Amino acid sequence: MELTHLASGVDPLFEGPWGLQPPGSPPREGWSGFEFLANYEGGWQELFPNVGDPGSYRGEEIPFHGEVATLPWEVEERDGALACSVRCERTPFRLERTMSVQGSTLVLDERITNEGDQSGHFVWGHHCVVGPPFLEAGCRFRAPVRTIETIPDLWEETARLDPGQSEPWPNARLRAHGTVDLSHVPGPEIRTHDDVYLTDLEAGWAAVENERLGLTFRLEFDHALFRWLISWQPYGGADAMPLRGSYALGLEPWTTRLNLEHAVAAGQATELPAGGALDTIVRATIHG
């Protein structure tokens, strides 16, 4: 919901201009039956055991962007940290996350456990999105990636990038003509909306720098596990509901760009044996 740099009072996370609706409110227009979008307000969500489109897994329909972002979590304070956990309802997994602040860094110490009696598959992602007042024209988007990919079809008619491309970072092909350096963040007046997939990571981090504010938001993760960096880029051109009015930039480490159903078919899903566990750490730092 919020990650504030206390010295400046700046929260780099995206806050939808429509705000968070009270519990029990009707879904927002355009939610298309996707619970994740019914009351999406920005911020940072965890996507598990699915990313992207809904799909089928062992006879269960796994929702858009997974289960855990819309389930209640158990939370308790433990030794100066927050111990959080959630049990999936349609898959045999438990996700545990210990959240602690170490200096200027938020540390997420995470574990996935397969509590079922047979092996299970998952895909995993962090839906971390930055926005104003931190995000503005002139910010720089840094990431040690080598390849840019775009979706095969147009996201919206306001998309500026050519669909179905694969190009070396940071220059992507424009739909009109020429190329654009994706490391340069434009302002909302450009009115574009793209979804960009970045891969072939050389290291596990991504950052957005605001030179005017003298602040940098940096995300660190294990790029052997999270091999893709998904960059949602609604630069003022998100016209379709429920995301209309968004000006934001996603820094989203995912294990794969495929949803669970397609990742299993392609051999890109992570498999855990019964009783098995997988640990990882994600760090978020605001440098002043």
C-alpha atoms as a PDB file:
ATOM      1  CA  MET A   1       0.000   0.000   0.000  1.00  0.00           C
ATOM      2  CA  GLU A   2       2.727   2.456   0.953  1.00  0.00           C
ATOM      3  CA  LEU A   3       6.519   2.567   1.175  1.00  0.00           C
ATOM      4  CA  THR A   4       7.518   6.025   2.322  1.00  0.00           C
ATOM      5  CA  HIS A   5      11.013   7.513   2.367  1.00  0.00           C
ATOM      6  CA  LEU A   6      10.805   9.254   5.742  1.00  0.00           C
ATOM      7  CA  ALA A   7      13.458  11.901   5.093  1.00  0.00           C
ATOM      8  CA  SER A   8      11.596  13.280   2.062  1.00  0.00           C
ATOM      9  CA  GLY A   9       8.052  12.055   2.700  1.00  0.00           C
ATOM     10  CA  VAL A  10       7.951  10.583  -0.824  1.00  0.00           C
ATOM     11  CA  ASP A  11       6.203   7.266  -1.444  1.00  0.00           C
ATOM     12  CA  PRO A  12       7.440   5.871  -4.783  1.00  0.00           C
ATOM     13  CA  LEU A  13       4.638   3.314  -5.142  1.00  0.00           C
ATOM     14  CA  PHE A  14       1.827   3.955  -7.612  1.00  0.00           C
ATOM     15  CA  GLU A  15      -1.488   5.018  -6.111  1.00  0.00           C
ATOM     16  CA  GLY A  16      -4.429   4.848  -8.505  1.00  0.00           C
ATOM     17  CA  PRO A  17      -6.155   8.237  -8.695  1.00  0.00           C
ATOM     18  CA  TRP A  18      -9.462   6.446  -8.040  1.00  0.00           C
ATOM     19  CA  GLY A  19      -8.274   5.208  -4.625  1.00  0.00           C
ATOM     20  CA  LEU A  20      -8.981   2.034  -2.688  1.00  0.00           C
ATOM     21  CA  GLN A  21     -12.684   1.260  -2.356  1.00  0.00           C
ATOM     22  CA  PRO A  22     -14.076   0.161   1.045  1.00  0.00           C
ATOM     23  CA  PRO A  23     -14.603  -3.584   1.632  1.00  0.00           C
ATOM     24  CA  GLY A  24     -17.869  -4.768   0.154  1.00  0.00           C
ATOM     25  CA  SER A  25     -17.883  -2.146  -2.604  1.00  0.00           C
ATOM     26  CA  PRO A  26     -19.037  -3.326  -6.037  1.00  0.00           C
ATOM     27  CA  PRO A  27     -16.262  -4.229  -8.492  1.00  0.00           C
ATOM     28  CA  ARG A  28     -14.906  -1.372 -10.568  1.00  0.00           C
ATOM     29  CA  GLU A  29     -16.189  -0.968 -14.088  1.00  0.00           C
ATOM     30  CA  GLY A  30     -14.207  -3.031 -16.570  1.00  0.00           C
ATOM     31  CA  TRP A  31     -12.998  -5.634 -14.064  1.00  0.00           C
ATOM     32  CA  SER A  32     -14.007  -8.403 -16.542  1.00  0.00           C
ATOM     33  CA  GLY A  33     -14.573 -10.909 -13.743  1.00  0.00           C
ATOM     34  CA  PHE A  34     -10.921 -10.705 -12.628  1.00  0.00           C
ATOM     35  CA  GLU A  35     -10.932 -10.308  -8.849  1.00  0.00           C
ATOM     36  CA  PHE A  36      -7.444  -8.775  -8.930  1.00  0.00           C
ATOM     37  CA  LEU A  37      -8.848  -5.856 -10.953  1.00  0.00           C
ATOM     38  CA  ALA A  38     -12.116  -5.540  -9.003  1.00  0.00           C
ATOM     39  CA  ASN A  39     -10.485  -3.179  -6.494  1.00  0.00           C
ATOM     40  CA  TYR A  40      -6.921  -2.713  -7.753  1.00  0.00           C
ATOM     41  CA  GLU A  41      -5.549   0.482  -6.206  1.00  0.00           C
ATOM     42  CA  GLY A  42      -1.886   0.354  -7.158  1.00  0.00           C
ATOM     43  CA  GLY A  43       0.927  -0.490  -4.741  1.00  0.00           C
ATOM     44  CA  TRP A  44       2.735  -3.810  -4.627  1.00  0.00           C
ATOM     45  CA  GLN A  45       1.076  -7.230  -4.779  1.00  0.00           C
ATOM     46  CA  GLU A  46       2.430 -10.758  -4.852  1.00  0.00           C
ATOM     47  CA  LEU A  47       1.354 -12.969  -7.772  1.00  0.00           C
ATOM     48  CA  PHE A  48       1.213 -16.687  -6.921  1.00  0.00           C
ATOM     49  CA  PRO A  49       0.792 -19.448  -8.068  1.00  0.00           C
ATOM     50  CA  ASN A  50      -0.085 -17.769 -11.365  1.00  0.00           C
ATOM     51  CA  VAL A  51       0.846 -14.653 -13.311  1.00  0.00           C
ATOM     52  CA  GLY A  52      -1.153 -13.073 -16.101  1.00  0.00           C
ATOM     53  CA  ASP A  53      -4.198 -14.690 -17.637  1.00  0.00           C
ATOM     54  CA  PRO A  54      -6.285 -17.264 -15.760  1.00  0.00           C
ATOM     55  CA  GLY A  55      -5.751 -20.883 -16.694  1.00  0.00           C
ATOM     56  CA  SER A  56      -6.504 -24.469 -15.789  1.00  0.00           C
ATOM     57  CA  TYR A  57      -4.329 -26.618 -13.531  1.00  0.00           C
ATOM     58  CA  ARG A  58      -5.301 -30.169 -12.500  1.00  0.00           C
ATOM     59  CA  GLY A  59      -8.969 -29.433 -12.984  1.00  0.00           C
ATOM     60  CA  GLU A  60      -8.925 -26.119 -11.091  1.00  0.00           C
ATOM     61  CA  GLU A  61      -9.350 -22.686 -12.662  1.00  0.00           C
ATOM     62  CA  ILE A  62      -6.458 -20.566 -11.377  1.00  0.00           C
ATOM     63  CA  PRO A  63      -7.372 -16.857 -11.308  1.00  0.00           C
ATOM     64  CA  PHE A  64      -5.813 -13.944 -13.163  1.00  0.00           C
ATOM     65  CA  HIS A  65      -2.583 -13.032 -11.318  1.00  0.00           C
ATOM     66  CA  GLY A  66      -2.997 -16.005  -8.981  1.00  0.00           C
ATOM     67  CA  GLU A  67      -4.634 -16.596  -5.627  1.00  0.00           C
ATOM     68  CA  VAL A  68      -2.706 -14.891  -2.853  1.00  0.00           C
ATOM     69  CA  ALA A  69      -3.213 -11.231  -3.845  1.00  0.00           C
ATOM     70  CA  THR A  70      -6.947 -11.518  -3.096  1.00  0.00           C
ATOM     71  CA  LEU A  71      -6.874 -13.892  -0.105  1.00  0.00           C
ATOM     72  CA  PRO A  72      -6.691 -12.831   3.571  1.00  0.00           C
ATOM     73  CA  TRP A  73      -3.262 -13.355   5.124  1.00  0.00           C
ATOM     74  CA  GLU A  74      -2.345 -14.265   8.698  1.00  0.00           C
ATOM     75  CA  VAL A  75      -0.075 -11.568  10.159  1.00  0.00           C
ATOM     76  CA  GLU A  76       1.751 -11.327  13.481  1.00  0.00           C
ATOM     77  CA  GLU A  77       4.607  -9.259  14.848  1.00  0.00           C
ATOM     78  CA  ARG A  78       7.647 -11.362  15.640  1.00  0.00           C
ATOM     79  CA  ASP A  79      11.001 -10.032  16.868  1.00  0.00           C
ATOM     80  CA  GLY A  80      10.519  -6.612  15.317  1.00  0.00           C
ATOM     81  CA  ALA A  81       9.333  -8.007  11.979  1.00  0.00           C
ATOM     82  CA  LEU A  82       5.993  -8.925  10.436  1.00  0.00           C
ATOM     83  CA  ALA A  83       5.482 -12.650   9.887  1.00  0.00           C
ATOM     84  CA  CYS A  84       2.858 -13.120   7.163  1.00  0.00           C
ATOM     85  CA  SER A  85       1.442 -16.296   5.643  1.00  0.00           C
ATOM     86  CA  VAL A  86      -1.325 -17.403   3.306  1.00  0.00           C
ATOM     87  CA  ARG A  87      -2.580 -20.842   2.208  1.00  0.00           C
ATOM     88  CA  CYS A  88      -3.755 -21.199  -1.371  1.00  0.00           C
ATOM     89  CA  GLU A  89      -7.250 -22.618  -1.810  1.00  0.00           C
ATOM     90  CA  ARG A  90      -6.937 -24.200  -5.270  1.00  0.00           C
ATOM     91  CA  THR A  91      -3.337 -25.389  -5.123  1.00  0.00           C
ATOM     92  CA  PRO A  92      -1.390 -27.124  -2.304  1.00  0.00           C
ATOM     93  CA  PHE A  93       0.946 -24.250  -1.476  1.00  0.00           C
ATOM     94  CA  ARG A  94       1.611 -22.050   1.530  1.00  0.00           C
ATOM     95  CA  LEU A  95       3.454 -18.751   1.064  1.00  0.00           C
ATOM     96  CA  GLU A  96       5.273 -17.304   4.075  1.00  0.00           C
ATOM     97  CA  ARG A  97       6.805 -13.835   4.055  1.00  0.00           C
ATOM     98  CA  THR A  98       8.761 -12.174   6.849  1.00  0.00           C
ATOM     99  CA  MET A  99       8.936  -8.405   6.347  1.00  0.00           C
ATOM    100  CA  SER A 100      11.615  -6.381   8.108  1.00  0.00           C
ATOM    101  CA  VAL A 101      13.268  -2.992   7.707  1.00  0.00           C
ATOM    102  CA  GLN A 102      17.059  -3.052   7.708  1.00  0.00           C
ATOM    103  CA  GLY A 103      18.451   0.465   7.407  1.00  0.00           C
ATOM    104  CA  SER A 104      16.810   1.967   4.336  1.00  0.00           C
ATOM    105  CA  THR A 105      15.869  -1.440   2.921  1.00  0.00           C
ATOM    106  CA  LEU A 106      12.623  -3.392   3.157  1.00  0.00           C
ATOM    107  CA  VAL A 107      13.514  -7.100   3.193  1.00  0.00           C
ATOM    108  CA  LEU A 108      11.012  -9.770   2.147  1.00  0.00           C
ATOM    109  CA  ASP A 109      12.256 -13.195   3.292  1.00  0.00           C
ATOM    110  CA  GLU A 110       9.947 -15.654   1.546  1.00  0.00           C
ATOM    111  CA  ARG A 111       9.248 -19.383   1.514  1.00  0.00           C
ATOM    112  CA  ILE A 112       6.966 -21.496  -0.654  1.00  0.00           C
ATOM    113  CA  THR A 113       5.960 -24.874   0.830  1.00  0.00           C
ATOM    114  CA  ASN A 114       4.084 -27.651  -0.929  1.00  0.00           C
ATOM    115  CA  GLU A 115       1.715 -28.985   1.723  1.00  0.00           C
ATOM    116  CA  GLY A 116       0.108 -31.497  -0.648  1.00  0.00           C
ATOM    117  CA  ASP A 117       0.716 -35.207  -1.082  1.00  0.00           C
ATOM    118  CA  GLN A 118       2.066 -34.909  -4.630  1.00  0.00           C
ATOM    119  CA  SER A 119       4.401 -32.583  -6.484  1.00  0.00           C
ATOM    120  CA  GLY A 120       2.928 -29.267  -7.592  1.00  0.00           C
ATOM    121  CA  HIS A 121       3.740 -26.533 -10.113  1.00  0.00           C
ATOM    122  CA  PHE A 122       3.664 -22.772  -9.780  1.00  0.00           C
ATOM    123  CA  VAL A 123       4.752 -19.549 -11.390  1.00  0.00           C
ATOM    124  CA  TRP A 124       5.523 -16.507  -9.254  1.00  0.00           C
ATOM    125  CA  GLY A 125       5.842 -12.762  -9.579  1.00  0.00           C
ATOM    126  CA  HIS A 126       5.915  -9.454  -7.744  1.00  0.00           C
ATOM    127  CA  HIS A 127       3.560  -6.771  -9.077  1.00  0.00           C
ATOM    128  CA  CYS A 128       5.574  -3.764  -7.886  1.00  0.00           C
ATOM    129  CA  VAL A 129       4.577  -0.488  -9.582  1.00  0.00           C
ATOM    130  CA  VAL A 130       5.915   3.047  -9.057  1.00  0.00           C
ATOM    131  CA  GLY A 131       4.035   6.263  -9.757  1.00  0.00           C
ATOM    132  CA  PRO A 132       3.807   9.991  -9.032  1.00  0.00           C
ATOM    133  CA  PRO A 133       4.911  12.143  -7.331  1.00  0.00           C
ATOM    134  CA  PHE A 134       8.092  10.051  -7.529  1.00  0.00           C
ATOM    135  CA  LEU A 135       7.585   9.071 -11.173  1.00  0.00           C
ATOM    136  CA  GLU A 136       7.769  11.947 -13.645  1.00  0.00           C
ATOM    137  CA  ALA A 137       9.232  12.902 -16.989  1.00  0.00           C
ATOM    138  CA  GLY A 138      13.007  12.745 -16.804  1.00  0.00           C
ATOM    139  CA  CYS A 139      13.217   9.690 -14.545  1.00  0.00           C
ATOM    140  CA  ARG A 140      15.586   6.944 -15.675  1.00  0.00           C
ATOM    141  CA  PHE A 141      14.636   3.268 -15.705  1.00  0.00           C
ATOM    142  CA  ARG A 142      17.699   1.073 -15.113  1.00  0.00           C
ATOM    143  CA  ALA A 143      17.865  -2.701 -15.449  1.00  0.00           C
ATOM    144  CA  PRO A 144      20.690  -5.130 -16.407  1.00  0.00           C
ATOM    145  CA  VAL A 145      18.635  -6.799 -19.133  1.00  0.00           C
ATOM    146  CA  ARG A 146      19.619  -7.610 -22.702  1.00  0.00           C
ATOM    147  CA  THR A 147      16.359  -8.277 -24.517  1.00  0.00           C
ATOM    148  CA  ILE A 148      13.057  -6.436 -24.982  1.00  0.00           C
ATOM    149  CA  GLU A 149       9.946  -8.357 -26.027  1.00  0.00           C
ATOM    150  CA  THR A 150       6.420  -7.069 -26.600  1.00  0.00           C
ATOM    151  CA  ILE A 151       3.110  -8.914 -26.692  1.00  0.00           C
ATOM    152  CA  PRO A 152       1.961 -10.231 -30.093  1.00  0.00           C
ATOM    153  CA  ASP A 153      -1.185  -8.075 -30.189  1.00  0.00           C
ATOM    154  CA  LEU A 154      -1.882  -4.466 -29.264  1.00  0.00           C
ATOM    155  CA  TRP A 155      -2.488  -3.812 -25.558  1.00  0.00           C
ATOM    156  CA  GLU A 156      -4.540  -0.729 -26.398  1.00  0.00           C
ATOM    157  CA  GLU A 157      -4.706   1.516 -29.444  1.00  0.00           C
ATOM    158  CA  THR A 158      -2.575   3.941 -27.429  1.00  0.00           C
ATOM    159  CA  ALA A 159       0.372   1.493 -27.501  1.00  0.00           C
ATOM    160  CA  ARG A 160       3.485   3.194 -28.890  1.00  0.00           C
ATOM    161  CA  LEU A 161       5.577   0.021 -29.298  1.00  0.00           C
ATOM    162  CA  ASP A 162       5.462  -2.362 -32.237  1.00  0.00           C
ATOM    163  CA  PRO A 163       3.824  -5.650 -31.125  1.00  0.00           C
ATOM    164  CA  GLY A 164       5.648  -8.960 -31.412  1.00  0.00           C
ATOM    165  CA  GLN A 165       9.160  -7.540 -31.388  1.00  0.00           C
ATOM    166  CA  SER A 166      12.388  -8.775 -29.843  1.00  0.00           C
ATOM    167  CA  GLU A 167      15.102  -6.135 -29.676  1.00  0.00           C
ATOM    168  CA  PRO A 168      18.261  -5.454 -27.668  1.00  0.00           C
ATOM    169  CA  TRP A 169      17.784  -3.210 -24.623  1.00  0.00           C
ATOM    170  CA  PRO A 170      17.148  -0.286 -24.367  1.00  0.00           C
ATOM    171  CA  ASN A 171      15.909   0.644 -27.868  1.00  0.00           C
ATOM    172  CA  ALA A 172      12.479  -0.649 -28.874  1.00  0.00           C
ATOM    173  CA  ARG A 173      10.737  -0.250 -32.218  1.00  0.00           C
ATOM    174  CA  LEU A 174       7.863   2.214 -32.369  1.00  0.00           C
ATOM    175  CA  ARG A 175       4.587   1.445 -34.166  1.00  0.00           C
ATOM    176  CA  ALA A 176       4.881   4.630 -36.212  1.00  0.00           C
ATOM    177  CA  HIS A 177       8.555   4.647 -37.151  1.00  0.00           C
ATOM    178  CA  GLY A 178      11.954   4.732 -35.518  1.00  0.00           C
ATOM    179  CA  THR A 179      12.922   3.560 -32.049  1.00  0.00           C
ATOM    180  CA  VAL A 180      12.652   4.781 -28.465  1.00  0.00           C
ATOM    181  CA  ASP A 181      15.055   4.408 -25.541  1.00  0.00           C
ATOM    182  CA  LEU A 182      12.970   2.693 -22.829  1.00  0.00           C
ATOM    183  CA  SER A 183      15.359   3.806 -20.095  1.00  0.00           C
ATOM    184  CA  HIS A 184      14.004   7.362 -20.486  1.00  0.00           C
ATOM    185  CA  VAL A 185      10.649   7.825 -18.718  1.00  0.00           C
ATOM    186  CA  PRO A 186       8.234  10.214 -20.462  1.00  0.00           C
ATOM    187  CA  GLY A 187       5.498  12.246 -18.814  1.00  0.00           C
ATOM    188  CA  PRO A 188       1.767  11.407 -18.896  1.00  0.00           C
ATOM    189  CA  GLU A 189       1.205  13.834 -21.767  1.00  0.00           C
ATOM    190  CA  ILE A 190       2.618  11.199 -24.152  1.00  0.00           C
ATOM    191  CA  ARG A 191      -0.607   9.192 -23.596  1.00  0.00           C
ATOM    192  CA  THR A 192       0.704   5.700 -24.333  1.00  0.00           C
ATOM    193  CA  HIS A 193       0.051   2.270 -22.793  1.00  0.00           C
ATOM    194  CA  ASP A 194       2.340  -0.738 -23.271  1.00  0.00           C
ATOM    195  CA  ASP A 195       3.254  -4.002 -21.587  1.00  0.00           C
ATOM    196  CA  VAL A 196       6.955  -4.794 -21.999  1.00  0.00           C
ATOM    197  CA  TYR A 197       8.782  -8.035 -21.212  1.00  0.00           C
ATOM    198  CA  LEU A 198      12.478  -7.760 -20.368  1.00  0.00           C
ATOM    199  CA  THR A 199      14.686 -10.837 -20.173  1.00  0.00           C
ATOM    200  CA  ASP A 200      18.229 -12.207 -20.421  1.00  0.00           C
ATOM    201  CA  LEU A 201      19.045 -10.572 -17.108  1.00  0.00           C
ATOM    202  CA  GLU A 202      22.710 -10.213 -16.216  1.00  0.00           C
ATOM    203  CA  ALA A 203      21.909  -9.495 -12.535  1.00  0.00           C
ATOM    204  CA  GLY A 204      18.889  -9.365 -10.246  1.00  0.00           C
ATOM    205  CA  TRP A 205      17.895  -5.748  -9.837  1.00  0.00           C
ATOM    206  CA  ALA A 206      15.886  -2.911 -11.357  1.00  0.00           C
ATOM    207  CA  ALA A 207      15.782   0.759 -10.415  1.00  0.00           C
ATOM    208  CA  VAL A 208      14.073   4.038 -11.182  1.00  0.00           C
ATOM    209  CA  GLU A 209      16.059   7.237 -10.596  1.00  0.00           C
ATOM    210  CA  ASN A 210      14.528  10.662 -10.063  1.00  0.00           C
ATOM    211  CA  GLU A 211      17.432  13.105 -10.388  1.00  0.00           C
ATOM    212  CA  ARG A 212      15.282  16.145  -9.531  1.00  0.00           C
ATOM    213  CA  LEU A 213      14.253  14.634  -6.190  1.00  0.00           C
ATOM    214  CA  GLY A 214      17.629  12.995  -5.620  1.00  0.00           C
ATOM    215  CA  LEU A 215      15.887   9.654  -4.969  1.00  0.00           C
ATOM    216  CA  THR A 216      16.297   6.162  -6.411  1.00  0.00           C
ATOM    217  CA  PHE A 217      13.953   3.230  -5.887  1.00  0.00           C
ATOM    218  CA  ARG A 218      15.768  -0.093  -6.321  1.00  0.00           C
ATOM    219  CA  LEU A 219      14.395  -3.633  -6.287  1.00  0.00           C
ATOM    220  CA  GLU A 220      16.740  -6.624  -5.837  1.00  0.00           C
ATOM    221  CA  PHE A 221      15.874 -10.279  -6.443  1.00  0.00           C
ATOM    222  CA  ASP A 222      17.330 -13.645  -7.449  1.00  0.00           C
ATOM    223  CA  HIS A 223      17.465 -13.532 -11.245  1.00  0.00           C
ATOM    224  CA  ALA A 224      18.122 -17.280 -11.410  1.00  0.00           C
ATOM    225  CA  LEU A 225      14.555 -17.672 -10.090  1.00  0.00           C
ATOM    226  CA  PHE A 226      12.898 -14.499 -11.399  1.00  0.00           C
ATOM    227  CA  ARG A 227      14.217 -14.598 -14.968  1.00  0.00           C
ATOM    228  CA  TRP A 228      11.870 -11.980 -16.421  1.00  0.00           C
ATOM    229  CA  LEU A 229      11.255  -8.353 -15.567  1.00  0.00           C
ATOM    230  CA  ILE A 230       7.770  -7.278 -16.597  1.00  0.00           C
ATOM    231  CA  SER A 231       7.379  -3.556 -17.141  1.00  0.00           C
ATOM    232  CA  TRP A 232       3.806  -2.303 -17.274  1.00  0.00           C
ATOM    233  CA  GLN A 233       3.996   1.180 -18.841  1.00  0.00           C
ATOM    234  CA  PRO A 234       0.713   3.147 -18.687  1.00  0.00           C
ATOM    235  CA  TYR A 235       2.148   6.574 -19.471  1.00  0.00           C
ATOM    236  CA  GLY A 236      -1.157   8.440 -19.344  1.00  0.00           C
ATOM    237  CA  GLY A 237      -2.680   6.379 -22.149  1.00  0.00           C
ATOM    238  CA  ALA A 238      -4.594   3.738 -20.188  1.00  0.00           C
ATOM    239  CA  ASP A 239      -8.069   4.527 -21.509  1.00  0.00           C
ATOM    240  CA  ALA A 240      -9.910   1.267 -20.813  1.00  0.00           C
ATOM    241  CA  MET A 241     -11.471   0.771 -17.399  1.00  0.00           C
ATOM    242  CA  PRO A 242     -10.613  -0.106 -14.667  1.00  0.00           C
ATOM    243  CA  LEU A 243      -7.090   1.281 -15.220  1.00  0.00           C
ATOM    244  CA  ARG A 244      -8.114   4.545 -16.863  1.00  0.00           C
ATOM    245  CA  GLY A 245      -6.035   7.489 -15.671  1.00  0.00           C
ATOM    246  CA  SER A 246      -2.944   5.466 -14.697  1.00  0.00           C
ATOM    247  CA  TYR A 247       0.509   6.996 -14.982  1.00  0.00           C
ATOM    248  CA  ALA A 248       2.886   4.341 -13.709  1.00  0.00           C
ATOM    249  CA  LEU A 249       5.866   2.087 -14.354  1.00  0.00           C
ATOM    250  CA  GLY A 250       6.062  -1.560 -13.339  1.00  0.00           C
ATOM    251  CA  LEU A 251       9.201  -3.206 -11.972  1.00  0.00           C
ATOM    252  CA  GLU A 252       7.885  -6.744 -11.776  1.00  0.00           C
ATOM    253  CA  PRO A 253      10.221  -9.745 -11.414  1.00  0.00           C
ATOM    254  CA  TRP A 254       8.447 -12.905 -12.657  1.00  0.00           C
ATOM    255  CA  THR A 255       9.679 -16.479 -12.933  1.00  0.00           C
ATOM    256  CA  THR A 256       8.210 -16.653 -16.468  1.00  0.00           C
ATOM    257  CA  ARG A 257       6.097 -14.480 -18.738  1.00  0.00           C
ATOM    258  CA  LEU A 258       3.659 -17.412 -19.201  1.00  0.00           C
ATOM    259  CA  ASN A 259       0.647 -18.169 -17.041  1.00  0.00           C
ATOM    260  CA  LEU A 260       0.644 -21.404 -15.038  1.00  0.00           C
ATOM    261  CA  GLU A 261      -1.187 -23.507 -17.619  1.00  0.00           C
ATOM    262  CA  HIS A 262       1.089 -22.512 -20.476  1.00  0.00           C
ATOM    263  CA  ALA A 263       4.232 -22.600 -18.308  1.00  0.00           C
ATOM    264  CA  VAL A 264       3.535 -26.219 -17.323  1.00  0.00           C
ATOM    265  CA  ALA A 265       3.046 -27.136 -20.997  1.00  0.00           C
ATOM    266  CA  ALA A 266       6.280 -25.338 -21.952  1.00  0.00           C
ATOM    267  CA  GLY A 267       8.324 -26.777 -19.085  1.00  0.00           C
ATOM    268  CA  GLN A 268       8.814 -23.314 -17.564  1.00  0.00           C
ATOM    269  CA  ALA A 269       6.825 -23.767 -14.335  1.00  0.00           C
ATOM    270  CA  THR A 270       8.632 -24.399 -11.047  1.00  0.00           C
ATOM    271  CA  GLU A 271       7.872 -27.824  -9.568  1.00  0.00           C
ATOM    272  CA  LEU A 272       8.072 -28.631  -5.861  1.00  0.00           C
ATOM    273  CA  PRO A 273       7.836 -32.180  -4.506  1.00  0.00           C
ATOM    274  CA  ALA A 274       5.349 -32.991  -1.757  1.00  0.00           C
ATOM    275  CA  GLY A 275       6.657 -31.420   1.440  1.00  0.00           C
ATOM    276  CA  GLY A 276       9.282 -29.456  -0.474  1.00  0.00           C
ATOM    277  CA  ALA A 277      10.104 -25.792   0.109  1.00  0.00           C
ATOM    278  CA  LEU A 278      11.768 -22.971  -1.806  1.00  0.00           C
ATOM    279  CA  ASP A 279      13.255 -19.842  -0.200  1.00  0.00           C
ATOM    280  CA  THR A 280      14.128 -16.484  -1.713  1.00  0.00           C
ATOM    281  CA  ILE A 281      14.714 -12.878  -0.638  1.00  0.00           C
ATOM    282  CA  VAL A 282      13.471  -9.693  -2.315  1.00  0.00           C
ATOM    283  CA  ARG A 283      14.776  -6.281  -1.233  1.00  0.00           C
ATOM    284  CA  ALA A 284      13.428  -2.799  -1.879  1.00  0.00           C
ATOM    285  CA  THR A 285      15.563   0.241  -1.115  1.00  0.00           C
ATOM    286  CA  ILE A 286      14.952   3.982  -1.426  1.00  0.00           C
ATOM    287  CA  HIS A 287      18.251   5.842  -1.733  1.00  0.00           C
ATOM    288  CA  GLY A 288      18.219   9.532  -0.860  1.00  0.00           C
END
